[in-house]
Amino acid sequence: MASKTPGFEGVTEYCERCGQTTTHQVAVELRTENTNTENAAFSREPYRVATCCECDAEHAQRMNNA
C-alpha cells in the first residue's frame, strides 16, 4: 500500500467518463489473470491502476506487455 505524502494531490490525467482532465490517484496492484487453474497463484501481473478523484472511474493497464 502506498503511503500518502503531505502536499501530494495526485496525478492529472484525462478521464473518459468525465470528459476532461482531472486528478487521479495512481497505484500499482498485482492482479490474478487466470483464476480458473491450479496455478492461479503464479499468474499475478502488475497493473497500473488510476482512479479518478471526481467520478471514481478506474482504469487499469498491465505494466509488462510480455
Protein backbone atom coordinates (compact mmCIF):
# COMPACT_ATOMS: atom_id res chain seq x y z
CA MET A 1 0.00 0.00 0.00
CA ALA A 2 1.34 3.42 -0.91
CA SER A 3 1.89 5.99 1.79
CA LYS A 4 0.37 9.44 1.45
CA THR A 5 2.87 12.25 1.02
CA PRO A 6 1.85 15.56 2.63
CA GLY A 7 1.02 18.10 -0.06
CA PHE A 8 0.71 15.50 -2.82
CA GLU A 9 -2.56 15.99 -4.66
CA GLY A 10 -2.42 13.14 -7.19
CA VAL A 11 -1.68 12.82 -10.87
CA THR A 12 -3.50 14.85 -13.52
CA GLU A 13 -4.86 12.66 -16.34
CA TYR A 14 -7.70 12.64 -18.86
CA CYS A 15 -10.82 10.84 -17.60
CA GLU A 16 -13.01 9.29 -20.30
CA ARG A 17 -16.11 9.28 -18.07
CA CYS A 18 -15.75 12.96 -17.04
CA GLY A 19 -14.55 14.01 -20.49
CA GLN A 20 -11.88 16.27 -19.05
CA THR A 21 -8.52 16.28 -17.28
CA THR A 22 -8.95 15.53 -13.58
CA THR A 23 -6.86 14.48 -10.60
CA HIS A 24 -6.31 10.74 -10.24
CA GLN A 25 -4.93 8.53 -7.51
CA VAL A 26 -2.47 6.07 -9.04
CA ALA A 27 -1.32 2.76 -7.57
CA VAL A 28 0.36 -0.47 -8.68
CA GLU A 29 -1.55 -3.68 -7.96
CA LEU A 30 -0.79 -7.34 -8.51
CA ARG A 31 -3.82 -8.88 -10.20
CA THR A 32 -4.51 -12.53 -10.90
CA GLU A 33 -5.30 -13.00 -14.58
CA ASN A 34 -6.27 -16.67 -14.65
CA THR A 35 -8.36 -17.68 -11.64
CA ASN A 36 -9.67 -20.98 -13.06
CA THR A 37 -6.49 -23.03 -12.81
CA GLU A 38 -4.49 -24.63 -10.03
CA ASN A 39 -1.63 -22.27 -10.96
CA ALA A 40 -3.63 -19.07 -10.35
CA ALA A 41 -1.20 -18.03 -7.61
CA PHE A 42 1.52 -17.85 -10.26
CA SER A 43 -0.45 -15.82 -12.80
CA ARG A 44 -0.28 -12.48 -10.99
CA GLU A 45 0.79 -9.49 -13.08
CA PRO A 46 1.48 -5.85 -12.15
CA TYR A 47 -1.13 -3.30 -13.22
CA ARG A 48 -1.07 0.50 -13.06
CA VAL A 49 -4.46 1.50 -11.66
CA ALA A 50 -5.64 5.12 -11.93
CA THR A 51 -8.84 6.18 -10.13
CA CYS A 52 -10.49 9.50 -10.95
CA CYS A 53 -10.98 11.66 -7.85
CA GLU A 54 -14.09 13.25 -9.40
CA CYS A 55 -16.18 10.26 -10.53
CA ASP A 56 -14.27 7.21 -9.14
CA ALA A 57 -13.83 5.73 -12.62
CA GLU A 58 -10.97 3.21 -12.64
CA HIS A 59 -8.58 2.49 -15.49
CA ALA A 60 -6.16 -0.44 -15.20
CA GLN A 61 -3.27 -1.10 -17.57
CA ARG A 62 -0.96 -4.09 -17.49
CA MET A 63 2.59 -2.90 -16.93
CA ASN A 64 4.55 -5.69 -18.58
CA ASN A 65 3.12 -6.41 -22.00
CA ALA A 66 5.01 -9.64 -22.48
